[in-house]
């Protein structure tokens, strides 16, 4: 069995193991692969790009229609072709996520907590629950029935979330600082009661189980890895990683178990991404088209991902 064939086998195993719903997968591809190149592409070329991932033309068209309805994408018809680009809101959503997905390391923790109190003023239960779900997705934990907490949430992200729910004037936001008399064991106990670390840790563990064999096969393949294989690996990697990471509150190491698998998952993701980025970029640029022709080269900020990628990776 050739090294390239073994790599194909590992890619197939990952595709069988993780959910590849068309809408979510296209969100991954726009955020990871299209946004750095301007954020717009011809629908027909997008259909070609995702075909090796088992997504049919009908599934792509349905997913793109739904993403347009949900204010992720906007269509620009030119002649018989339709080009789909990111809306301003879609770009903002990606920018918030990218700060977490592609960071090299977490910033040091100052011991502070951001608190959101949803019971300060009368609030309809359904609106409170909608906000709670959104904040939980962003990594907040439930400190009390109407109090959510986060150790490092970005103020701008929280402000945008409250404004999007129309609740900026209905909740109270506070910052709290840990006290020296709090025993470290009590801090760990608080975290374990507010966040489901067991489930999250299990998800990270499964990510490692899926992609460690891919890393070994990638190393073995060396120059035999093709641009298509590199694109598939990079896309599957980020699709699976962001699914776990965006539910991670990114708690500081001080309050996490000593064997927390999140750090190993970030390191593995960084290594595979750096290894596949150049060839994956070539495949993306060879496959996708804009209204003005081939995709432009990736923006400079793309090469800052995971602490630095090889400049000129998209060049033939």
Protein backbone atom coordinates (compact mmCIF):
# COMPACT_ATOMS: atom_id res chain seq x y z
CA UNK A 1 0.00 0.00 0.00
CA UNK A 2 1.45 3.38 -1.02
CA UNK A 3 1.88 6.24 1.42
CA UNK A 4 -0.68 8.32 -0.49
CA UNK A 5 -3.18 5.46 -0.29
CA UNK A 6 -2.68 5.15 3.47
CA UNK A 7 -3.34 8.88 3.74
CA UNK A 8 -6.55 8.45 1.73
CA UNK A 9 -7.60 5.72 4.14
CA UNK A 10 -7.07 7.99 7.14
CA UNK A 11 -9.05 10.77 5.46
CA UNK A 12 -11.88 8.33 4.79
CA UNK A 13 -11.90 7.19 8.41
CA UNK A 14 -12.25 10.78 9.61
CA UNK A 15 -15.06 11.46 7.13
CA UNK A 16 -16.90 8.41 8.44
CA UNK A 17 -16.39 9.45 12.07
CA UNK A 18 -17.54 13.07 12.12
CA UNK A 19 -20.86 14.62 11.05
CA UNK A 20 -20.57 16.39 7.68
CA UNK A 21 -23.80 18.35 7.39
CA UNK A 22 -23.69 20.53 4.31
CA UNK A 23 -24.63 23.83 5.95
CA UNK A 24 -22.10 23.54 8.77
CA UNK A 25 -19.40 22.27 6.40
CA UNK A 26 -19.86 25.23 4.06
CA UNK A 27 -19.59 27.58 7.04
CA UNK A 28 -16.25 25.94 7.81
CA UNK A 29 -15.04 26.30 4.23
CA UNK A 30 -16.09 29.94 3.95
CA UNK A 31 -14.44 30.83 7.23
CA UNK A 32 -11.26 28.81 6.77
CA UNK A 33 -10.70 28.89 3.03
CA UNK A 34 -12.75 31.57 1.27
CA UNK A 35 -12.73 34.52 3.67
CA UNK A 36 -8.92 34.95 3.44
CA UNK A 37 -9.33 35.26 -0.35
CA UNK A 38 -11.97 37.98 -0.31
CA UNK A 39 -14.97 36.01 0.93
CA UNK A 40 -16.82 35.45 -2.37
CA UNK A 41 -16.93 32.67 -4.96
CA UNK A 42 -18.97 31.29 -7.84
CA UNK A 43 -21.49 28.70 -6.66
CA UNK A 44 -20.48 26.24 -9.39
CA UNK A 45 -16.86 26.24 -8.24
CA UNK A 46 -17.96 25.78 -4.61
CA UNK A 47 -19.92 22.71 -5.70
CA UNK A 48 -16.74 21.32 -7.30
CA UNK A 49 -14.69 22.05 -4.19
CA UNK A 50 -16.92 20.15 -1.76
CA UNK A 51 -17.70 17.18 -4.01
CA UNK A 52 -14.82 15.04 -2.58
CA UNK A 53 -16.39 15.55 0.85
CA UNK A 54 -19.52 13.71 -0.27
CA UNK A 55 -21.73 16.79 -0.53
CA UNK A 56 -23.96 16.76 -3.60
CA UNK A 57 -24.90 19.74 -5.76
CA UNK A 58 -28.45 19.69 -4.39
CA UNK A 59 -27.15 19.70 -0.82
CA UNK A 60 -24.85 22.64 -1.56
CA UNK A 61 -27.63 24.68 -3.17
CA UNK A 62 -29.96 24.01 -0.24
CA UNK A 63 -27.28 24.89 2.32
CA UNK A 64 -26.31 28.10 0.52
CA UNK A 65 -29.97 29.13 0.31
CA UNK A 66 -30.33 28.65 4.07
CA UNK A 67 -27.10 30.51 4.83
CA UNK A 68 -28.37 33.40 2.71
CA UNK A 69 -31.65 33.39 4.62
CA UNK A 70 -29.73 33.37 7.91
CA UNK A 71 -27.65 36.43 6.93
CA UNK A 72 -24.36 34.59 6.46
CA UNK A 73 -24.16 34.96 2.68
CA UNK A 74 -25.46 37.31 0.00
CA UNK A 75 -25.94 36.43 -3.68
CA UNK A 76 -24.67 38.50 -6.61
CA UNK A 77 -26.08 37.26 -9.95
CA UNK A 78 -23.90 38.02 -12.97
CA UNK A 79 -25.28 36.64 -16.21
CA UNK A 80 -26.16 33.00 -15.70
CA UNK A 81 -23.89 32.64 -12.67
CA UNK A 82 -24.45 33.39 -8.99
CA UNK A 83 -21.61 34.46 -6.74
CA UNK A 84 -22.01 34.15 -3.00
CA UNK A 85 -20.10 36.38 -0.61
CA UNK A 86 -20.17 36.96 3.12
CA UNK A 87 -22.50 39.57 4.57
CA UNK A 88 -21.09 42.12 7.06
CA UNK A 89 -22.76 40.11 9.84
CA UNK A 90 -21.24 36.90 8.49
CA UNK A 91 -17.79 38.48 8.56
CA UNK A 92 -18.30 39.62 12.15
CA UNK A 93 -19.32 36.12 13.20
CA UNK A 94 -16.21 34.64 11.62
CA UNK A 95 -13.91 37.27 13.09
CA UNK A 96 -15.17 36.47 16.60
CA UNK A 97 -14.65 32.76 16.07
CA UNK A 98 -11.25 33.15 14.39
CA UNK A 99 -9.74 34.89 17.40
CA UNK A 100 -10.28 31.66 19.30
CA UNK A 101 -9.77 29.00 16.62
CA UNK A 102 -6.44 30.18 15.21
CA UNK A 103 -4.81 31.58 18.34
CA UNK A 104 -1.43 30.07 19.18
CA UNK A 105 -1.80 30.30 22.96
CA UNK A 106 -4.29 31.58 25.48
CA UNK A 107 -3.51 34.95 27.07
CA UNK A 108 -2.52 34.80 30.75
CA UNK A 109 -5.43 34.85 33.18
CA UNK A 110 -5.70 37.74 35.62
CA UNK A 111 -7.95 35.83 38.00
CA UNK A 112 -11.03 37.82 37.01
CA UNK A 113 -14.51 36.68 36.01
CA UNK A 114 -17.08 38.35 33.78
CA UNK A 115 -20.61 37.96 35.20
CA UNK A 116 -23.92 38.42 33.38
CA UNK A 117 -27.00 38.81 35.60
CA UNK A 118 -30.22 38.20 33.68
CA UNK A 119 -32.66 38.83 36.55
CA UNK A 120 -31.90 42.50 37.19
CA UNK A 121 -35.10 43.60 35.43
CA UNK A 122 -38.25 41.67 34.47
CA UNK A 123 -37.49 39.65 31.38
CA UNK A 124 -39.65 37.25 29.39
CA UNK A 125 -38.55 33.65 30.05
CA UNK A 126 -38.11 32.86 26.36
CA UNK A 127 -35.81 35.87 25.82
CA UNK A 128 -33.76 34.99 28.91
CA UNK A 129 -33.45 31.40 27.71
CA UNK A 130 -32.41 32.48 24.18
CA UNK A 131 -29.67 34.69 25.64
CA UNK A 132 -28.58 31.93 28.02
CA UNK A 133 -28.23 29.44 25.14
CA UNK A 134 -26.19 31.92 23.13
CA UNK A 135 -23.87 32.67 26.04
CA UNK A 136 -23.44 28.98 26.86
CA UNK A 137 -22.40 28.44 23.24
CA UNK A 138 -19.79 31.18 23.72
CA UNK A 139 -18.34 29.37 26.73
CA UNK A 140 -20.17 30.94 29.67
CA UNK A 141 -21.03 28.71 32.61
CA UNK A 142 -24.11 28.78 34.83
CA UNK A 143 -23.00 30.09 38.22
CA UNK A 144 -26.60 30.40 39.46
CA UNK A 145 -30.01 30.18 37.73
CA UNK A 146 -29.78 33.80 36.49
CA UNK A 147 -26.00 34.35 36.67
CA UNK A 148 -23.58 33.32 33.94
CA UNK A 149 -19.81 33.55 34.29
CA UNK A 150 -16.75 33.48 32.05
CA UNK A 151 -13.05 33.86 32.97
CA UNK A 152 -11.93 35.63 29.82
CA UNK A 153 -14.80 36.67 27.57
CA UNK A 154 -14.18 39.55 25.18
CA UNK A 155 -16.18 42.67 26.09
CA UNK A 156 -16.92 43.48 22.45
CA UNK A 157 -18.24 39.98 21.79
CA UNK A 158 -20.54 40.18 24.81
CA UNK A 159 -21.75 43.65 23.85
CA UNK A 160 -22.61 42.47 20.34
CA UNK A 161 -24.45 39.45 21.73
CA UNK A 162 -26.55 41.55 24.10
CA UNK A 163 -27.34 44.04 21.33
CA UNK A 164 -28.30 41.27 18.90
CA UNK A 165 -30.85 40.03 21.47
CA UNK A 166 -32.06 43.57 22.18
CA UNK A 167 -31.09 43.14 25.84
CA UNK A 168 -28.23 45.59 26.32
CA UNK A 169 -30.40 47.62 28.69
CA UNK A 170 -32.01 44.64 30.43
CA UNK A 171 -29.11 42.75 32.00
CA UNK A 172 -26.31 43.69 34.39
CA UNK A 173 -22.68 42.93 33.49
CA UNK A 174 -20.09 42.88 36.26
CA UNK A 175 -16.47 41.91 36.74
CA UNK A 176 -15.41 39.94 39.80
CA UNK A 177 -11.91 39.20 41.03
CA UNK A 178 -10.83 36.02 42.79
CA UNK A 179 -9.83 36.45 46.43
CA UNK A 180 -6.61 35.16 47.94
CA UNK A 181 -8.51 33.28 50.66
CA UNK A 182 -10.16 31.03 48.07
CA UNK A 183 -8.50 27.64 48.20
CA UNK A 184 -7.46 26.37 44.73
CA UNK A 185 -9.46 23.19 45.31
CA UNK A 186 -12.59 25.29 45.84
CA UNK A 187 -11.94 27.09 42.55
CA UNK A 188 -11.64 23.78 40.71
CA UNK A 189 -14.84 22.59 42.37
CA UNK A 190 -16.68 25.72 41.24
CA UNK A 191 -15.56 25.19 37.65
CA UNK A 192 -16.59 21.54 37.66
CA UNK A 193 -20.03 22.54 38.88
CA UNK A 194 -20.54 25.25 36.25
CA UNK A 195 -19.09 23.57 33.15
CA UNK A 196 -19.47 20.05 31.82
CA UNK A 197 -15.75 19.39 31.55
CA UNK A 198 -16.24 15.62 31.37
CA UNK A 199 -18.18 15.84 28.11
CA UNK A 200 -15.88 18.50 26.66
CA UNK A 201 -12.78 16.54 27.63
CA UNK A 202 -14.24 13.46 25.99
CA UNK A 203 -14.83 15.41 22.78
CA UNK A 204 -11.22 16.61 22.79
CA UNK A 205 -10.07 13.05 23.40
CA UNK A 206 -12.00 11.80 20.38
CA UNK A 207 -10.55 14.61 18.26
CA UNK A 208 -7.07 13.44 19.25
CA UNK A 209 -7.94 9.81 18.46
CA UNK A 210 -9.15 10.80 15.01
CA UNK A 211 -6.33 13.09 13.96
CA UNK A 212 -3.21 11.60 15.54
CA UNK A 213 -3.27 8.79 12.92
CA UNK A 214 -3.77 11.46 10.23
CA UNK A 215 -0.67 13.29 11.48
CA UNK A 216 1.39 10.10 11.34
CA UNK A 217 0.13 9.29 7.84
CA UNK A 218 0.80 12.86 6.73
CA UNK A 219 4.36 12.70 8.00
CA UNK A 220 4.86 9.36 6.25
CA UNK A 221 3.41 10.62 2.96
CA UNK A 222 5.74 13.62 2.83
CA UNK A 223 5.90 14.96 -0.75
CA UNK A 224 3.40 12.32 -1.90
CA UNK A 225 0.57 14.29 -0.26
CA UNK A 226 -1.53 15.91 -3.00
CA UNK A 227 -3.21 19.35 -2.93
CA UNK A 228 -6.62 17.66 -2.81
CA UNK A 229 -5.61 15.52 0.15
CA UNK A 230 -4.17 18.56 1.94
CA UNK A 231 -7.42 20.48 1.40
CA UNK A 232 -9.53 17.61 2.69
CA UNK A 233 -7.37 17.17 5.78
CA UNK A 234 -7.29 20.89 6.59
CA UNK A 235 -11.04 21.26 6.11
CA UNK A 236 -11.92 18.19 8.18
CA UNK A 237 -9.44 19.26 10.85
CA UNK A 238 -10.91 22.73 11.32
CA UNK A 239 -14.48 21.47 10.94
CA UNK A 240 -14.02 19.01 13.79
CA UNK A 241 -11.81 21.26 15.92
CA UNK A 242 -14.10 24.29 15.82
CA UNK A 243 -17.07 22.09 16.71
CA UNK A 244 -15.36 21.29 20.01
CA UNK A 245 -13.45 24.52 20.57
CA UNK A 246 -16.39 26.89 20.23
CA UNK A 247 -18.09 25.08 23.12
CA UNK A 248 -14.93 25.35 25.22
CA UNK A 249 -15.01 28.19 27.78
CA UNK A 250 -11.22 28.38 27.41
CA UNK A 251 -10.77 28.16 31.15
CA UNK A 252 -7.33 29.03 32.52
CA UNK A 253 -4.97 26.19 33.36
CA UNK A 254 -5.18 27.15 37.03
CA UNK A 255 -8.72 25.73 37.31
CA UNK A 256 -8.45 22.81 34.87
CA UNK A 257 -7.49 19.18 35.55
CA UNK A 258 -3.76 18.52 35.17
CA UNK A 259 -4.32 16.12 32.26
CA UNK A 260 -6.71 18.40 30.36
CA UNK A 261 -6.66 17.27 26.67
CA UNK A 262 -7.52 20.69 25.23
CA UNK A 263 -3.85 21.75 25.16
CA UNK A 264 -2.80 18.61 23.25
CA UNK A 265 -5.68 19.11 20.79
CA UNK A 266 -4.59 22.69 20.07
CA UNK A 267 -0.98 21.60 19.49
CA UNK A 268 -2.01 18.79 17.14
CA UNK A 269 -4.38 21.07 15.23
CA UNK A 270 -1.63 23.66 14.83
CA UNK A 271 0.88 21.11 13.54
CA UNK A 272 -1.48 19.55 11.00
CA UNK A 273 -2.73 22.95 9.83
CA UNK A 274 0.78 24.26 9.27
CA UNK A 275 1.73 21.10 7.38
CA UNK A 276 -1.27 21.15 5.04
CA UNK A 277 -1.77 24.90 4.52
CA UNK A 278 0.48 25.42 1.46
CA UNK A 279 -0.95 22.60 -0.64
CA UNK A 280 -4.50 23.23 0.56
CA UNK A 281 -4.19 26.86 -0.54
CA UNK A 282 -3.07 25.74 -3.98
CA UNK A 283 -6.10 23.47 -4.31
CA UNK A 284 -8.52 26.19 -3.18
CA UNK A 285 -7.10 28.71 -5.65
CA UNK A 286 -7.07 26.20 -8.50
CA UNK A 287 -10.72 25.25 -7.88
CA UNK A 288 -12.64 28.36 -6.87
CA UNK A 289 -13.54 31.30 -9.10
CA UNK A 290 -14.69 34.85 -8.47
CA UNK A 291 -16.58 37.22 -10.75
CA UNK A 292 -13.18 38.64 -11.77
CA UNK A 293 -11.46 35.32 -12.40
CA UNK A 294 -9.26 33.23 -10.08
CA UNK A 295 -9.27 33.90 -6.36
CA UNK A 296 -6.92 36.62 -5.15
CA UNK A 297 -4.06 35.48 -2.95
CA UNK A 298 -4.79 35.19 0.75
CA UNK A 299 -4.74 38.36 2.83
CA UNK A 300 -1.69 38.94 5.01
CA UNK A 301 -3.63 38.19 8.19
CA UNK A 302 -4.12 34.60 6.99
CA UNK A 303 -0.43 33.90 7.56
CA UNK A 304 -0.73 34.86 11.23
CA UNK A 305 -2.85 31.80 12.00
CA UNK A 306 -1.48 29.48 14.70
CA UNK A 307 1.48 31.75 15.28
CA UNK A 308 2.62 31.93 11.65
CA UNK A 309 2.24 30.07 8.35
CA UNK A 310 4.61 30.00 5.38
CA UNK A 311 4.32 33.16 3.30
CA UNK A 312 3.37 32.62 -0.33
CA UNK A 313 1.74 29.28 0.45
CA UNK A 314 -0.86 29.86 -2.24
CA UNK A 315 1.62 30.36 -5.03
CA UNK A 316 1.82 27.57 -7.65
